[in-house]
Amino acid sequence: MIVCVCNAIREEDLRAEVRKGATTPARAYAQLGCKTKCGSCLPFACKIIAEERAELDSAPEAAQAA
C-alpha cells in the first residue's frame, strides 16, 4: 500500500526504515532520501510507525518466552 503519494513511499518501505531505527516520519523519509511534501500522509505514517515500534518493543519479550 502507498503511504506517501508525493514520494511514492510504500508501507513496507516505511516499516523497514522503522526497523532500522526511524522513530518519526521525518527521519524515515530522510533515510529514504526524501522529505514530507504536502503532509497528508503524516497521520497514516505515524500510525504505521507506532504499530511497527510496538511490534519491535514486544519482540524481545516474545523471544524470551520461547
N, C-alpha and C. Protein backbone atom coordinates (compact mmCIF):
# COMPACT_ATOMS: atom_id res chain seq x y z
N MET A 1 0.84 -1.17 0.00
CA MET A 1 0.00 0.00 0.00
C MET A 1 0.89 1.24 0.00
N ILE A 2 0.47 2.25 -0.71
CA ILE A 2 1.21 3.51 -0.75
C ILE A 2 0.88 4.34 0.48
N VAL A 3 1.89 4.81 1.18
CA VAL A 3 1.71 5.67 2.34
C VAL A 3 1.78 7.13 1.89
N CYS A 4 2.78 7.45 1.10
CA CYS A 4 3.01 8.82 0.66
C CYS A 4 3.01 8.86 -0.86
N VAL A 5 2.00 9.48 -1.42
CA VAL A 5 1.88 9.59 -2.87
C VAL A 5 2.96 10.52 -3.42
N CYS A 6 3.21 11.62 -2.74
CA CYS A 6 4.19 12.60 -3.22
C CYS A 6 5.57 11.99 -3.43
N ASN A 7 5.96 11.10 -2.52
CA ASN A 7 7.29 10.48 -2.58
C ASN A 7 7.27 9.02 -2.99
N ALA A 8 6.10 8.49 -3.27
CA ALA A 8 5.92 7.08 -3.65
C ALA A 8 6.53 6.14 -2.61
N ILE A 9 6.23 6.42 -1.34
CA ILE A 9 6.72 5.57 -0.25
C ILE A 9 5.67 4.51 0.05
N ARG A 10 6.11 3.26 0.00
CA ARG A 10 5.23 2.14 0.28
C ARG A 10 5.29 1.78 1.77
N GLU A 11 4.22 1.19 2.23
CA GLU A 11 4.14 0.79 3.64
C GLU A 11 5.31 -0.10 4.02
N GLU A 12 5.66 -1.05 3.19
CA GLU A 12 6.76 -1.97 3.52
C GLU A 12 8.09 -1.22 3.63
N ASP A 13 8.27 -0.16 2.83
CA ASP A 13 9.50 0.64 2.91
C ASP A 13 9.54 1.42 4.22
N LEU A 14 8.41 1.99 4.60
CA LEU A 14 8.34 2.74 5.86
C LEU A 14 8.61 1.82 7.04
N ARG A 15 7.98 0.64 7.03
CA ARG A 15 8.21 -0.31 8.12
C ARG A 15 9.68 -0.73 8.20
N ALA A 16 10.31 -0.90 7.07
CA ALA A 16 11.74 -1.27 7.05
C ALA A 16 12.59 -0.18 7.68
N GLU A 17 12.25 1.07 7.42
CA GLU A 17 13.03 2.18 7.99
C GLU A 17 12.82 2.26 9.50
N VAL A 18 11.64 1.94 9.98
CA VAL A 18 11.40 1.91 11.42
C VAL A 18 12.25 0.81 12.05
N ARG A 19 12.32 -0.34 11.40
CA ARG A 19 13.17 -1.43 11.92
C ARG A 19 14.65 -1.05 11.92
N LYS A 20 15.02 -0.07 11.08
CA LYS A 20 16.40 0.42 11.06
C LYS A 20 16.62 1.55 12.06
N GLY A 21 15.56 1.95 12.78
CA GLY A 21 15.73 2.95 13.83
C GLY A 21 14.95 4.24 13.68
N ALA A 22 14.26 4.45 12.59
CA ALA A 22 13.48 5.68 12.42
C ALA A 22 12.34 5.70 13.43
N THR A 23 12.15 6.85 14.08
CA THR A 23 11.09 6.99 15.09
C THR A 23 10.04 8.01 14.70
N THR A 24 10.27 8.73 13.61
CA THR A 24 9.33 9.74 13.13
C THR A 24 9.22 9.65 11.62
N PRO A 25 8.13 10.18 11.05
CA PRO A 25 8.05 10.21 9.60
C PRO A 25 9.21 10.99 8.98
N ALA A 26 9.58 12.10 9.57
CA ALA A 26 10.67 12.90 9.01
C ALA A 26 11.96 12.10 8.92
N ARG A 27 12.28 11.36 9.97
CA ARG A 27 13.51 10.56 9.98
C ARG A 27 13.42 9.42 8.97
N ALA A 28 12.27 8.74 8.93
CA ALA A 28 12.09 7.63 7.99
C ALA A 28 12.19 8.13 6.55
N TYR A 29 11.54 9.24 6.26
CA TYR A 29 11.57 9.79 4.91
C TYR A 29 12.99 10.19 4.54
N ALA A 30 13.72 10.80 5.49
CA ALA A 30 15.11 11.20 5.22
C ALA A 30 15.97 9.98 4.91
N GLN A 31 15.76 8.90 5.66
CA GLN A 31 16.52 7.67 5.40
C GLN A 31 16.21 7.11 4.02
N LEU A 32 15.02 7.45 3.50
CA LEU A 32 14.64 7.02 2.15
C LEU A 32 15.05 8.05 1.10
N GLY A 33 15.70 9.13 1.52
CA GLY A 33 16.21 10.13 0.59
C GLY A 33 15.18 11.17 0.16
N CYS A 34 14.16 11.38 0.97
CA CYS A 34 13.16 12.39 0.62
C CYS A 34 12.68 13.09 1.87
N LYS A 35 11.70 13.99 1.72
CA LYS A 35 11.11 14.67 2.85
C LYS A 35 9.62 14.88 2.60
N THR A 36 8.90 15.18 3.66
CA THR A 36 7.47 15.40 3.55
C THR A 36 7.19 16.58 2.62
N LYS A 37 6.20 16.42 1.79
CA LYS A 37 5.81 17.49 0.88
C LYS A 37 4.47 18.06 1.31
N CYS A 38 3.35 17.44 0.93
CA CYS A 38 2.04 18.01 1.26
C CYS A 38 1.61 17.71 2.69
N GLY A 39 2.10 16.62 3.27
CA GLY A 39 1.79 16.28 4.66
C GLY A 39 0.54 15.46 4.88
N SER A 40 -0.22 15.17 3.85
CA SER A 40 -1.45 14.40 4.04
C SER A 40 -1.17 12.96 4.47
N CYS A 41 0.03 12.49 4.30
CA CYS A 41 0.40 11.13 4.67
C CYS A 41 0.79 11.00 6.14
N LEU A 42 1.02 12.09 6.81
CA LEU A 42 1.59 12.02 8.15
C LEU A 42 0.75 11.24 9.16
N PRO A 43 -0.57 11.41 9.22
CA PRO A 43 -1.33 10.59 10.18
C PRO A 43 -1.17 9.08 9.93
N PHE A 44 -1.23 8.67 8.68
CA PHE A 44 -1.08 7.25 8.34
C PHE A 44 0.35 6.79 8.63
N ALA A 45 1.34 7.61 8.29
CA ALA A 45 2.74 7.26 8.56
C ALA A 45 2.98 7.11 10.05
N CYS A 46 2.42 8.01 10.84
CA CYS A 46 2.58 7.92 12.30
C CYS A 46 1.94 6.64 12.85
N LYS A 47 0.80 6.28 12.32
CA LYS A 47 0.11 5.05 12.74
C LYS A 47 0.98 3.83 12.43
N ILE A 48 1.54 3.79 11.24
CA ILE A 48 2.39 2.66 10.85
C ILE A 48 3.64 2.60 11.72
N ILE A 49 4.24 3.74 11.97
CA ILE A 49 5.43 3.79 12.82
C ILE A 49 5.10 3.29 14.22
N ALA A 50 3.98 3.72 14.78
CA ALA A 50 3.58 3.28 16.12
C ALA A 50 3.35 1.77 16.14
N GLU A 51 2.69 1.24 15.12
CA GLU A 51 2.45 -0.21 15.05
C GLU A 51 3.77 -0.98 14.99
N GLU A 52 4.65 -0.52 14.15
CA GLU A 52 5.93 -1.23 13.97
C GLU A 52 6.78 -1.15 15.23
N ARG A 53 6.79 0.01 15.87
CA ARG A 53 7.57 0.15 17.11
C ARG A 53 6.98 -0.72 18.22
N ALA A 54 5.66 -0.81 18.29
CA ALA A 54 5.03 -1.68 19.30
C ALA A 54 5.41 -3.13 19.07
N GLU A 55 5.43 -3.52 17.81
CA GLU A 55 5.83 -4.89 17.48
C GLU A 55 7.30 -5.13 17.84
N LEU A 56 8.15 -4.16 17.55
CA LEU A 56 9.56 -4.29 17.88
C LEU A 56 9.77 -4.34 19.39
N ASP A 57 9.01 -3.51 20.12
CA ASP A 57 9.14 -3.48 21.57
C ASP A 57 8.70 -4.79 22.20
N SER A 58 7.72 -5.46 21.61
CA SER A 58 7.24 -6.71 22.18
C SER A 58 8.05 -7.91 21.70
N ALA A 59 8.85 -7.76 20.67
CA ALA A 59 9.62 -8.87 20.13
C ALA A 59 10.61 -9.48 21.14
N PRO A 60 11.36 -8.68 21.89
CA PRO A 60 12.29 -9.30 22.87
C PRO A 60 11.55 -10.14 23.91
N GLU A 61 10.36 -9.67 24.34
CA GLU A 61 9.59 -10.43 25.33
C GLU A 61 9.14 -11.77 24.74
N ALA A 62 8.71 -11.75 23.50
CA ALA A 62 8.27 -12.98 22.84
C ALA A 62 9.44 -13.95 22.68
N ALA A 63 10.61 -13.42 22.38
CA ALA A 63 11.79 -14.27 22.19
C ALA A 63 12.21 -14.89 23.52
N GLN A 64 12.08 -14.14 24.62
CA GLN A 64 12.46 -14.68 25.92
C GLN A 64 11.48 -15.76 26.39
N ALA A 65 10.22 -15.62 26.02
CA ALA A 65 9.20 -16.59 26.43
C ALA A 65 9.36 -17.92 25.70
N ALA A 66 10.00 -17.90 24.55
CA ALA A 66 10.14 -19.13 23.73
C ALA A 66 11.20 -20.06 24.25
